[in-house]
Amino acid sequence: LRVALRKARSILLFLKPVITLRNYDQTRKAFRKMARRLSSLREMDVFLEDLETLSAKPGHIDKMDNTFPTLKAAMTALREKEQHKVQNALDHTRHSRTISKAADPVNIHEPCVHFGHADRKKLAERLDIWHASILGLLHRLDMEDTKQVHKLRLQLKKFNYINDFVESCGLIPPLPLKGSKALQRDLGRLCDF
């Protein structure tokens, strides 16, 4: 759900110059708020996975040491508590209405019908600008600068989501960047650490 919400926000941002959505800002804010609620769960899940991997490595754990099981039990309990908070926050009709409005089935299945030649040209130019921006970030990337690394990762995510979207619906030709998904994945792992 968190990833789907992030994709929806990216697609809305990309299409903004050529769509009329009366409650555009409200919709994006609601998606962002829901995704933020889910991010704490994701961070706990990543931590638990890393803990599991670390505890499974031979020689890294003394049989008499109970640090890993205790830490895992404490984090699992915290995650369960957070999960209940998130479920309560997301279980609200306002969120359902927001998602329904943005996820109009006609627009999802046949987006090309709604965009003329001028709109498509504008979107192709927009994708080209996003492509150039990523290349610029890559050119001056300092791997020691965590803010820069995070910014590049987020831009790659949006760019990859949009390329997948335009390719799947045939709206405009995609503009792939070779290795961008692998780089996004690797930078994501680095940012997790």
N, C-alpha and C. Protein backbone atom coordinates (compact mmCIF):
# COMPACT_ATOMS: atom_id res chain seq x y z
N LEU A 1 0.84 -1.20 0.00
CA LEU A 1 0.00 0.00 0.00
C LEU A 1 0.87 1.25 0.00
N ARG A 2 1.94 1.22 0.78
CA ARG A 2 2.83 2.38 0.85
C ARG A 2 3.44 2.67 -0.51
N VAL A 3 3.90 1.64 -1.19
CA VAL A 3 4.50 1.81 -2.51
C VAL A 3 3.44 2.28 -3.52
N ALA A 4 2.25 1.70 -3.46
CA ALA A 4 1.17 2.10 -4.37
C ALA A 4 0.81 3.57 -4.17
N LEU A 5 0.78 4.02 -2.93
CA LEU A 5 0.49 5.43 -2.64
C LEU A 5 1.59 6.33 -3.18
N ARG A 6 2.83 5.89 -3.03
CA ARG A 6 3.95 6.68 -3.54
C ARG A 6 3.90 6.77 -5.06
N LYS A 7 3.56 5.66 -5.71
CA LYS A 7 3.43 5.66 -7.17
C LYS A 7 2.32 6.60 -7.60
N ALA A 8 1.19 6.56 -6.90
CA ALA A 8 0.06 7.42 -7.24
C ALA A 8 0.44 8.89 -7.10
N ARG A 9 1.18 9.24 -6.06
CA ARG A 9 1.63 10.62 -5.89
C ARG A 9 2.57 11.04 -7.01
N SER A 10 3.48 10.15 -7.40
CA SER A 10 4.41 10.46 -8.49
C SER A 10 3.68 10.67 -9.80
N ILE A 11 2.71 9.81 -10.07
CA ILE A 11 1.95 9.92 -11.33
C ILE A 11 1.14 11.20 -11.34
N LEU A 12 0.50 11.54 -10.21
CA LEU A 12 -0.25 12.78 -10.13
C LEU A 12 0.66 14.00 -10.35
N LEU A 13 1.85 13.97 -9.74
CA LEU A 13 2.80 15.07 -9.90
C LEU A 13 3.22 15.20 -11.37
N PHE A 14 3.49 14.06 -12.01
CA PHE A 14 3.92 14.08 -13.40
C PHE A 14 2.83 14.61 -14.32
N LEU A 15 1.59 14.21 -14.06
CA LEU A 15 0.47 14.60 -14.91
C LEU A 15 -0.10 15.99 -14.60
N LYS A 16 0.36 16.60 -13.52
CA LYS A 16 -0.23 17.87 -13.06
C LYS A 16 -0.39 18.93 -14.16
N PRO A 17 0.60 19.12 -15.04
CA PRO A 17 0.43 20.19 -16.05
C PRO A 17 -0.69 19.93 -17.06
N VAL A 18 -1.15 18.69 -17.16
CA VAL A 18 -2.13 18.37 -18.21
C VAL A 18 -3.46 17.81 -17.67
N ILE A 19 -3.62 17.81 -16.36
CA ILE A 19 -4.89 17.29 -15.81
C ILE A 19 -5.61 18.38 -15.03
N THR A 20 -6.89 18.18 -14.90
CA THR A 20 -7.70 19.04 -14.05
C THR A 20 -8.26 18.15 -12.95
N LEU A 21 -7.70 18.30 -11.78
CA LEU A 21 -8.19 17.57 -10.62
C LEU A 21 -8.49 18.62 -9.57
N ARG A 22 -9.75 18.83 -9.33
CA ARG A 22 -10.19 19.92 -8.45
C ARG A 22 -9.49 19.87 -7.09
N ASN A 23 -9.34 18.69 -6.57
CA ASN A 23 -8.73 18.57 -5.25
C ASN A 23 -7.33 17.95 -5.35
N TYR A 24 -6.53 18.39 -6.33
CA TYR A 24 -5.19 17.85 -6.58
C TYR A 24 -4.33 17.88 -5.32
N ASP A 25 -4.17 19.07 -4.73
CA ASP A 25 -3.30 19.20 -3.55
C ASP A 25 -3.82 18.37 -2.38
N GLN A 26 -5.13 18.39 -2.19
CA GLN A 26 -5.73 17.63 -1.11
C GLN A 26 -5.49 16.12 -1.31
N THR A 27 -5.61 15.67 -2.54
CA THR A 27 -5.39 14.25 -2.84
C THR A 27 -3.95 13.85 -2.58
N ARG A 28 -3.00 14.64 -3.09
CA ARG A 28 -1.58 14.32 -2.87
C ARG A 28 -1.23 14.36 -1.39
N LYS A 29 -1.77 15.32 -0.66
CA LYS A 29 -1.49 15.41 0.78
C LYS A 29 -2.04 14.19 1.52
N ALA A 30 -3.24 13.77 1.14
CA ALA A 30 -3.83 12.59 1.80
C ALA A 30 -2.99 11.35 1.51
N PHE A 31 -2.54 11.20 0.25
CA PHE A 31 -1.68 10.06 -0.10
C PHE A 31 -0.37 10.11 0.70
N ARG A 32 0.19 11.31 0.82
CA ARG A 32 1.45 11.46 1.54
C ARG A 32 1.28 11.12 3.02
N LYS A 33 0.19 11.60 3.60
CA LYS A 33 -0.08 11.34 5.02
C LYS A 33 -0.23 9.84 5.27
N MET A 34 -0.97 9.17 4.37
CA MET A 34 -1.15 7.72 4.53
C MET A 34 0.18 7.00 4.39
N ALA A 35 1.00 7.39 3.41
CA ALA A 35 2.29 6.74 3.20
C ALA A 35 3.22 6.96 4.40
N ARG A 36 3.17 8.16 4.97
CA ARG A 36 3.99 8.43 6.16
C ARG A 36 3.60 7.53 7.33
N ARG A 37 2.30 7.32 7.49
CA ARG A 37 1.85 6.44 8.56
C ARG A 37 2.42 5.03 8.38
N LEU A 38 2.53 4.62 7.13
CA LEU A 38 3.03 3.27 6.85
C LEU A 38 4.56 3.17 6.92
N SER A 39 5.26 4.31 6.82
CA SER A 39 6.73 4.26 6.77
C SER A 39 7.34 3.76 8.07
N SER A 40 6.72 4.07 9.20
CA SER A 40 7.29 3.58 10.46
C SER A 40 7.26 2.06 10.52
N LEU A 41 6.19 1.47 9.99
CA LEU A 41 6.12 0.00 9.94
C LEU A 41 7.21 -0.56 9.04
N ARG A 42 7.43 0.10 7.91
CA ARG A 42 8.45 -0.38 6.98
C ARG A 42 9.83 -0.33 7.63
N GLU A 43 10.12 0.77 8.33
CA GLU A 43 11.42 0.89 8.98
C GLU A 43 11.61 -0.20 10.04
N MET A 44 10.55 -0.50 10.76
CA MET A 44 10.64 -1.58 11.75
C MET A 44 10.84 -2.93 11.06
N ASP A 45 10.16 -3.14 9.95
CA ASP A 45 10.32 -4.38 9.20
C ASP A 45 11.74 -4.54 8.67
N VAL A 46 12.32 -3.46 8.15
CA VAL A 46 13.70 -3.49 7.66
C VAL A 46 14.65 -3.83 8.81
N PHE A 47 14.43 -3.18 9.96
CA PHE A 47 15.27 -3.45 11.12
C PHE A 47 15.18 -4.91 11.54
N LEU A 48 13.96 -5.45 11.58
CA LEU A 48 13.77 -6.85 11.99
C LEU A 48 14.42 -7.80 10.98
N GLU A 49 14.32 -7.49 9.69
CA GLU A 49 14.98 -8.32 8.68
C GLU A 49 16.49 -8.29 8.83
N ASP A 50 17.04 -7.09 9.05
CA ASP A 50 18.49 -6.97 9.24
C ASP A 50 18.94 -7.70 10.50
N LEU A 51 18.14 -7.61 11.53
CA LEU A 51 18.46 -8.29 12.79
C LEU A 51 18.46 -9.80 12.59
N GLU A 52 17.48 -10.29 11.84
CA GLU A 52 17.38 -11.72 11.54
C GLU A 52 18.60 -12.19 10.75
N THR A 53 18.99 -11.42 9.75
CA THR A 53 20.15 -11.75 8.92
C THR A 53 21.42 -11.77 9.76
N LEU A 54 21.57 -10.75 10.60
CA LEU A 54 22.76 -10.66 11.44
C LEU A 54 22.83 -11.79 12.45
N SER A 55 21.72 -12.12 13.05
CA SER A 55 21.71 -13.18 14.07
C SER A 55 21.92 -14.56 13.46
N ALA A 56 21.62 -14.70 12.16
CA ALA A 56 21.78 -16.00 11.50
C ALA A 56 23.21 -16.25 11.02
N LYS A 57 24.04 -15.21 10.99
CA LYS A 57 25.41 -15.36 10.50
C LYS A 57 26.23 -16.16 11.52
N PRO A 58 26.95 -17.18 11.05
CA PRO A 58 27.76 -17.98 11.97
C PRO A 58 28.89 -17.14 12.58
N GLY A 59 29.12 -17.37 13.85
CA GLY A 59 30.20 -16.70 14.56
C GLY A 59 29.83 -15.32 15.08
N HIS A 60 28.67 -14.82 14.77
CA HIS A 60 28.28 -13.49 15.23
C HIS A 60 27.44 -13.52 16.49
N ILE A 61 27.14 -14.69 16.94
CA ILE A 61 26.27 -14.75 18.11
C ILE A 61 26.77 -15.84 19.06
N ASP A 62 26.91 -15.49 20.27
CA ASP A 62 27.32 -16.44 21.30
C ASP A 62 26.06 -17.13 21.81
N LYS A 63 26.09 -18.43 21.95
CA LYS A 63 24.91 -19.19 22.36
C LYS A 63 24.39 -18.73 23.73
N MET A 64 25.26 -18.18 24.55
CA MET A 64 24.83 -17.73 25.88
C MET A 64 24.29 -16.30 25.83
N ASP A 65 24.52 -15.62 24.72
CA ASP A 65 24.11 -14.23 24.62
C ASP A 65 22.65 -14.16 24.17
N ASN A 66 21.82 -13.46 24.91
CA ASN A 66 20.40 -13.37 24.55
C ASN A 66 20.03 -12.00 23.99
N THR A 67 21.03 -11.24 23.54
CA THR A 67 20.78 -9.89 23.01
C THR A 67 19.84 -9.91 21.82
N PHE A 68 20.11 -10.76 20.83
CA PHE A 68 19.30 -10.78 19.62
C PHE A 68 17.86 -11.19 19.88
N PRO A 69 17.61 -12.30 20.58
CA PRO A 69 16.21 -12.66 20.84
C PRO A 69 15.46 -11.60 21.64
N THR A 70 16.11 -10.98 22.62
CA THR A 70 15.47 -9.96 23.43
C THR A 70 15.14 -8.73 22.60
N LEU A 71 16.11 -8.30 21.79
CA LEU A 71 15.91 -7.14 20.93
C LEU A 71 14.81 -7.42 19.90
N LYS A 72 14.81 -8.62 19.33
CA LYS A 72 13.79 -8.98 18.35
C LYS A 72 12.40 -9.00 18.99
N ALA A 73 12.29 -9.55 20.17
CA ALA A 73 11.00 -9.61 20.87
C ALA A 73 10.49 -8.20 21.18
N ALA A 74 11.40 -7.33 21.65
CA ALA A 74 11.01 -5.95 21.97
C ALA A 74 10.56 -5.21 20.71
N MET A 75 11.30 -5.36 19.62
CA MET A 75 10.95 -4.67 18.39
C MET A 75 9.66 -5.22 17.78
N THR A 76 9.44 -6.51 17.89
CA THR A 76 8.21 -7.13 17.39
C THR A 76 7.00 -6.58 18.15
N ALA A 77 7.15 -6.42 19.46
CA ALA A 77 6.06 -5.87 20.28
C ALA A 77 5.79 -4.41 19.90
N LEU A 78 6.85 -3.64 19.69
CA LEU A 78 6.69 -2.25 19.27
C LEU A 78 6.01 -2.16 17.91
N ARG A 79 6.39 -3.06 17.00
CA ARG A 79 5.81 -3.07 15.66
C ARG A 79 4.31 -3.36 15.73
N GLU A 80 3.95 -4.31 16.58
CA GLU A 80 2.53 -4.66 16.72
C GLU A 80 1.72 -3.47 17.23
N LYS A 81 2.28 -2.76 18.19
CA LYS A 81 1.63 -1.57 18.73
C LYS A 81 1.45 -0.52 17.62
N GLU A 82 2.51 -0.30 16.87
CA GLU A 82 2.47 0.69 15.78
C GLU A 82 1.49 0.27 14.70
N GLN A 83 1.43 -1.02 14.44
CA GLN A 83 0.50 -1.53 13.42
C GLN A 83 -0.94 -1.19 13.78
N HIS A 84 -1.29 -1.34 15.05
CA HIS A 84 -2.65 -1.01 15.49
C HIS A 84 -2.94 0.48 15.31
N LYS A 85 -1.96 1.33 15.61
CA LYS A 85 -2.12 2.77 15.43
C LYS A 85 -2.35 3.10 13.95
N VAL A 86 -1.54 2.47 13.10
CA VAL A 86 -1.64 2.72 11.66
C VAL A 86 -2.99 2.25 11.12
N GLN A 87 -3.42 1.06 11.53
CA GLN A 87 -4.71 0.55 11.07
C GLN A 87 -5.85 1.47 11.48
N ASN A 88 -5.80 1.97 12.71
CA ASN A 88 -6.84 2.89 13.17
C ASN A 88 -6.83 4.19 12.37
N ALA A 89 -5.63 4.68 12.07
CA ALA A 89 -5.52 5.94 11.32
C ALA A 89 -5.99 5.79 9.88
N LEU A 90 -5.70 4.65 9.27
CA LEU A 90 -6.06 4.45 7.86
C LEU A 90 -7.49 3.97 7.67
N ASP A 91 -8.08 3.44 8.72
CA ASP A 91 -9.44 2.92 8.61
C ASP A 91 -10.43 4.06 8.79
N HIS A 92 -10.48 4.91 7.80
CA HIS A 92 -11.32 6.09 7.88
C HIS A 92 -11.94 6.33 6.51
N THR A 93 -13.22 6.64 6.46
CA THR A 93 -13.91 6.78 5.18
C THR A 93 -13.35 7.91 4.33
N ARG A 94 -12.80 8.95 4.95
CA ARG A 94 -12.23 10.06 4.18
C ARG A 94 -11.12 9.56 3.26
N HIS A 95 -10.28 8.65 3.79
CA HIS A 95 -9.19 8.10 2.98
C HIS A 95 -9.76 7.29 1.82
N SER A 96 -10.79 6.52 2.08
CA SER A 96 -11.40 5.71 1.03
C SER A 96 -11.94 6.58 -0.09
N ARG A 97 -12.59 7.68 0.28
CA ARG A 97 -13.13 8.60 -0.74
C ARG A 97 -12.01 9.23 -1.56
N THR A 98 -10.93 9.61 -0.90
CA THR A 98 -9.80 10.23 -1.60
C THR A 98 -9.21 9.27 -2.62
N ILE A 99 -9.03 8.02 -2.21
CA ILE A 99 -8.47 7.03 -3.12
C ILE A 99 -9.43 6.78 -4.28
N SER A 100 -10.71 6.67 -3.99
CA SER A 100 -11.71 6.43 -5.04
C SER A 100 -11.74 7.55 -6.07
N LYS A 101 -11.66 8.79 -5.61
CA LYS A 101 -11.69 9.93 -6.53
C LYS A 101 -10.47 9.91 -7.45
N ALA A 102 -9.30 9.63 -6.88
CA ALA A 102 -8.07 9.66 -7.67
C ALA A 102 -7.96 8.45 -8.57
N ALA A 103 -8.54 7.34 -8.16
CA ALA A 103 -8.42 6.09 -8.90
C ALA A 103 -9.65 5.83 -9.76
N ASP A 104 -10.03 6.81 -10.55
CA ASP A 104 -11.15 6.65 -11.47
C ASP A 104 -10.81 5.55 -12.47
N PRO A 105 -11.59 4.47 -12.51
CA PRO A 105 -11.27 3.32 -13.37
C PRO A 105 -11.09 3.69 -14.84
N VAL A 106 -11.84 4.65 -15.34
CA VAL A 106 -11.70 5.04 -16.75
C VAL A 106 -10.32 5.61 -17.00
N ASN A 107 -9.87 6.48 -16.11
CA ASN A 107 -8.55 7.10 -16.28
C ASN A 107 -7.42 6.09 -16.13
N ILE A 108 -7.60 5.09 -15.28
CA ILE A 108 -6.56 4.10 -15.07
C ILE A 108 -6.41 3.20 -16.29
N HIS A 109 -7.53 2.74 -16.85
CA HIS A 109 -7.46 1.77 -17.94
C HIS A 109 -7.21 2.39 -19.30
N GLU A 110 -7.68 3.59 -19.53
CA GLU A 110 -7.52 4.24 -20.83
C GLU A 110 -7.05 5.69 -20.68
N PRO A 111 -5.87 5.92 -20.11
CA PRO A 111 -5.46 7.31 -19.90
C PRO A 111 -5.20 8.06 -21.20
N CYS A 112 -4.84 7.35 -22.27
CA CYS A 112 -4.52 8.02 -23.54
C CYS A 112 -5.72 8.76 -24.12
N VAL A 113 -6.91 8.27 -23.85
CA VAL A 113 -8.13 8.88 -24.37
C VAL A 113 -8.27 10.32 -23.90
N HIS A 114 -7.73 10.62 -22.74
CA HIS A 114 -7.94 11.93 -22.11
C HIS A 114 -6.88 12.96 -22.47
N PHE A 115 -5.85 12.57 -23.25
CA PHE A 115 -4.76 13.49 -23.54
C PHE A 115 -4.55 13.65 -25.04
N GLY A 116 -4.57 14.92 -25.48
CA GLY A 116 -4.34 15.22 -26.88
C GLY A 116 -2.85 15.29 -27.19
N HIS A 117 -2.54 15.62 -28.45
CA HIS A 117 -1.15 15.69 -28.90
C HIS A 117 -0.34 16.71 -28.10
N ALA A 118 -0.91 17.88 -27.86
CA ALA A 118 -0.18 18.93 -27.12
C ALA A 118 0.14 18.48 -25.69
N ASP A 119 -0.82 17.81 -25.04
CA ASP A 119 -0.59 17.31 -23.68
C ASP A 119 0.51 16.25 -23.67
N ARG A 120 0.46 15.37 -24.65
CA ARG A 120 1.48 14.32 -24.71
C ARG A 120 2.87 14.90 -24.95
N LYS A 121 2.92 15.92 -25.79
CA LYS A 121 4.21 16.58 -26.06
C LYS A 121 4.74 17.21 -24.78
N LYS A 122 3.86 17.86 -24.04
CA LYS A 122 4.23 18.50 -22.77
C LYS A 122 4.76 17.45 -21.78
N LEU A 123 4.11 16.29 -21.73
CA LEU A 123 4.55 15.22 -20.83
C LEU A 123 5.89 14.63 -21.26
N ALA A 124 6.10 14.49 -22.57
CA ALA A 124 7.38 13.98 -23.07
C ALA A 124 8.51 14.95 -22.70
N GLU A 125 8.24 16.24 -22.82
CA GLU A 125 9.24 17.25 -22.43
C GLU A 125 9.51 17.19 -20.93
N ARG A 126 8.45 16.98 -20.17
CA ARG A 126 8.59 16.89 -18.71
C ARG A 126 9.44 15.68 -18.32
N LEU A 127 9.21 14.55 -18.97
CA LEU A 127 10.01 13.35 -18.70
C LEU A 127 11.47 13.58 -19.08
N ASP A 128 11.71 14.30 -20.16
CA ASP A 128 13.06 14.62 -20.59
C ASP A 128 13.76 15.51 -19.55
N ILE A 129 13.03 16.45 -18.96
CA ILE A 129 13.59 17.32 -17.91
C ILE A 129 13.95 16.49 -16.69
N TRP A 130 13.06 15.56 -16.29
CA TRP A 130 13.35 14.69 -15.14
C TRP A 130 14.60 13.84 -15.43
N HIS A 131 14.71 13.34 -16.65
CA HIS A 131 15.86 12.53 -17.08
C HIS A 131 17.15 13.34 -16.94
N ALA A 132 17.14 14.57 -17.47
CA ALA A 132 18.32 15.45 -17.41
C ALA A 132 18.68 15.78 -15.96
N SER A 133 17.68 15.99 -15.13
CA SER A 133 17.92 16.30 -13.72
C SER A 133 18.65 15.15 -13.02
N ILE A 134 18.23 13.93 -13.30
CA ILE A 134 18.88 12.76 -12.70
C ILE A 134 20.31 12.64 -13.18
N LEU A 135 20.54 12.84 -14.48
CA LEU A 135 21.90 12.77 -15.01
C LEU A 135 22.78 13.84 -14.36
N GLY A 136 22.22 15.03 -14.14
CA GLY A 136 22.97 16.09 -13.46
C GLY A 136 23.33 15.71 -12.03
N LEU A 137 22.37 15.12 -11.32
CA LEU A 137 22.63 14.66 -9.95
C LEU A 137 23.70 13.57 -9.93
N LEU A 138 23.61 12.65 -10.87
CA LEU A 138 24.60 11.57 -10.95
C LEU A 138 26.00 12.12 -11.20
N HIS A 139 26.08 13.13 -12.05
CA HIS A 139 27.37 13.71 -12.44
C HIS A 139 28.08 14.36 -11.25
N ARG A 140 27.31 14.98 -10.36
CA ARG A 140 27.93 15.68 -9.24
C ARG A 140 27.70 14.99 -7.89
N LEU A 141 27.33 13.72 -7.91
CA LEU A 141 27.00 12.99 -6.68
C LEU A 141 28.22 12.79 -5.78
N ASP A 142 28.05 13.15 -4.53
CA ASP A 142 29.05 12.89 -3.49
C ASP A 142 28.47 11.81 -2.60
N MET A 143 29.02 10.60 -2.66
CA MET A 143 28.46 9.46 -1.92
C MET A 143 28.54 9.65 -0.41
N GLU A 144 29.36 10.58 0.04
CA GLU A 144 29.45 10.86 1.48
C GLU A 144 28.31 11.77 1.96
N ASP A 145 27.67 12.44 1.03
CA ASP A 145 26.59 13.37 1.36
C ASP A 145 25.26 12.59 1.36
N THR A 146 24.80 12.22 2.55
CA THR A 146 23.60 11.37 2.64
C THR A 146 22.35 12.07 2.12
N LYS A 147 22.27 13.40 2.26
CA LYS A 147 21.11 14.12 1.72
C LYS A 147 21.07 14.03 0.20
N GLN A 148 22.23 14.16 -0.42
CA GLN A 148 22.33 14.06 -1.87
C GLN A 148 21.97 12.65 -2.34
N VAL A 149 22.46 11.66 -1.65
CA VAL A 149 22.17 10.26 -1.99
C VAL A 149 20.68 10.00 -1.88
N HIS A 150 20.07 10.48 -0.81
CA HIS A 150 18.64 10.30 -0.60
C HIS A 150 17.83 11.01 -1.69
N LYS A 151 18.25 12.22 -2.03
CA LYS A 151 17.55 12.99 -3.07
C LYS A 151 17.60 12.24 -4.41
N LEU A 152 18.77 11.72 -4.75
CA LEU A 152 18.90 10.96 -6.00
C LEU A 152 18.02 9.72 -5.98
N ARG A 153 17.99 9.02 -4.86
CA ARG A 153 17.16 7.82 -4.74
C ARG A 153 15.68 8.15 -4.97
N LEU A 154 15.22 9.23 -4.35
CA LEU A 154 13.81 9.62 -4.51
C LEU A 154 13.50 10.03 -5.95
N GLN A 155 14.42 10.75 -6.57
CA GLN A 155 14.20 11.14 -7.97
C GLN A 155 14.20 9.93 -8.89
N LEU A 156 15.08 8.97 -8.61
CA LEU A 156 15.09 7.74 -9.41
C LEU A 156 13.78 6.96 -9.25
N LYS A 157 13.27 6.92 -8.01
CA LYS A 157 12.00 6.23 -7.77
C LYS A 157 10.90 6.84 -8.61
N LYS A 158 10.74 8.16 -8.52
CA LYS A 158 9.70 8.85 -9.29
C LYS A 158 9.88 8.61 -10.78
N PHE A 159 11.11 8.76 -11.24
CA PHE A 159 11.41 8.58 -12.66
C PHE A 159 11.08 7.17 -13.13
N ASN A 160 11.45 6.17 -12.33
CA ASN A 160 11.16 4.78 -12.70
C ASN A 160 9.67 4.49 -12.65
N TYR A 161 8.96 5.03 -11.66
CA TYR A 161 7.51 4.85 -11.61
C TYR A 161 6.85 5.42 -12.86
N ILE A 162 7.29 6.62 -13.26
CA ILE A 162 6.69 7.27 -14.42
C ILE A 162 7.01 6.51 -15.70
N ASN A 163 8.23 6.06 -15.85
CA ASN A 163 8.58 5.28 -17.04
C ASN A 163 7.74 4.01 -17.13
N ASP A 164 7.56 3.34 -16.00
CA ASP A 164 6.71 2.14 -15.99
C ASP A 164 5.27 2.48 -16.36
N PHE A 165 4.79 3.60 -15.82
CA PHE A 165 3.41 4.04 -16.08
C PHE A 165 3.20 4.36 -17.56
N VAL A 166 4.08 5.20 -18.13
CA VAL A 166 3.87 5.60 -19.53
C VAL A 166 4.05 4.43 -20.49
N GLU A 167 4.93 3.52 -20.11
CA GLU A 167 5.13 2.33 -20.95
C GLU A 167 3.90 1.42 -20.90
N SER A 168 3.34 1.24 -19.71
CA SER A 168 2.21 0.33 -19.55
C SER A 168 0.94 0.85 -20.24
N CYS A 169 0.78 2.17 -20.30
CA CYS A 169 -0.45 2.71 -20.89
C CYS A 169 -0.25 3.30 -22.28
N GLY A 170 1.00 3.41 -22.74
CA GLY A 170 1.26 3.92 -24.08
C GLY A 170 1.00 5.41 -24.22
N LEU A 171 1.01 6.13 -23.13
CA LEU A 171 0.72 7.56 -23.16
C LEU A 171 1.77 8.32 -23.97
N ILE A 172 3.03 8.10 -23.62
CA ILE A 172 4.17 8.65 -24.37
C ILE A 172 5.26 7.58 -24.35
N PRO A 173 6.24 7.69 -25.23
CA PRO A 173 7.34 6.70 -25.17
C PRO A 173 8.12 6.86 -23.86
N PRO A 174 8.47 5.75 -23.23
CA PRO A 174 9.27 5.85 -22.00
C PRO A 174 10.67 6.35 -22.33
N LEU A 175 11.36 6.83 -21.33
CA LEU A 175 12.72 7.32 -21.50
C LEU A 175 13.59 6.63 -20.45
N PRO A 176 13.88 5.36 -20.68
CA PRO A 176 14.60 4.61 -19.65
C PRO A 176 16.04 5.10 -19.47
N LEU A 177 16.52 4.89 -18.28
CA LEU A 177 17.90 5.22 -17.93
C LEU A 177 18.54 3.90 -17.51
N LYS A 178 19.48 3.42 -18.31
CA LYS A 178 20.06 2.10 -18.08
C LYS A 178 20.61 1.96 -16.66
N GLY A 179 20.17 0.91 -15.99
CA GLY A 179 20.65 0.61 -14.64
C GLY A 179 19.97 1.43 -13.54
N SER A 180 18.95 2.22 -13.89
CA SER A 180 18.34 3.11 -12.89
C SER A 180 17.62 2.35 -11.78
N LYS A 181 17.00 1.22 -12.13
CA LYS A 181 16.28 0.46 -11.09
C LYS A 181 17.25 -0.21 -10.12
N ALA A 182 18.35 -0.74 -10.66
CA ALA A 182 19.36 -1.35 -9.79
C ALA A 182 20.00 -0.30 -8.90
N LEU A 183 20.29 0.87 -9.48
CA LEU A 183 20.88 1.95 -8.69
C LEU A 183 19.91 2.42 -7.61
N GLN A 184 18.65 2.55 -7.96
CA GLN A 184 17.62 2.94 -6.99
C GLN A 184 17.58 1.94 -5.84
N ARG A 185 17.62 0.65 -6.19
CA ARG A 185 17.57 -0.40 -5.16
C ARG A 185 18.80 -0.32 -4.25
N ASP A 186 20.00 -0.14 -4.85
CA ASP A 186 21.22 -0.07 -4.06
C ASP A 186 21.25 1.17 -3.16
N LEU A 187 20.81 2.30 -3.72
CA LEU A 187 20.77 3.52 -2.91
C LEU A 187 19.73 3.39 -1.79
N GLY A 188 18.65 2.67 -2.06
CA GLY A 188 17.64 2.42 -1.03
C GLY A 188 18.22 1.63 0.13
N ARG A 189 18.99 0.64 -0.20
CA ARG A 189 19.64 -0.17 0.85
C ARG A 189 20.61 0.68 1.66
N LEU A 190 21.37 1.50 0.95
CA LEU A 190 22.34 2.40 1.62
C LEU A 190 21.60 3.36 2.53
N CYS A 191 20.48 3.93 2.06
CA CYS A 191 19.70 4.86 2.88
C CYS A 191 19.07 4.14 4.08
N ASP A 192 18.68 2.87 3.90
CA ASP A 192 18.16 2.10 5.03
C ASP A 192 19.20 2.00 6.14
N PHE A 193 20.46 1.74 5.75
CA PHE A 193 21.51 1.66 6.76
C PHE A 193 21.73 3.01 7.41
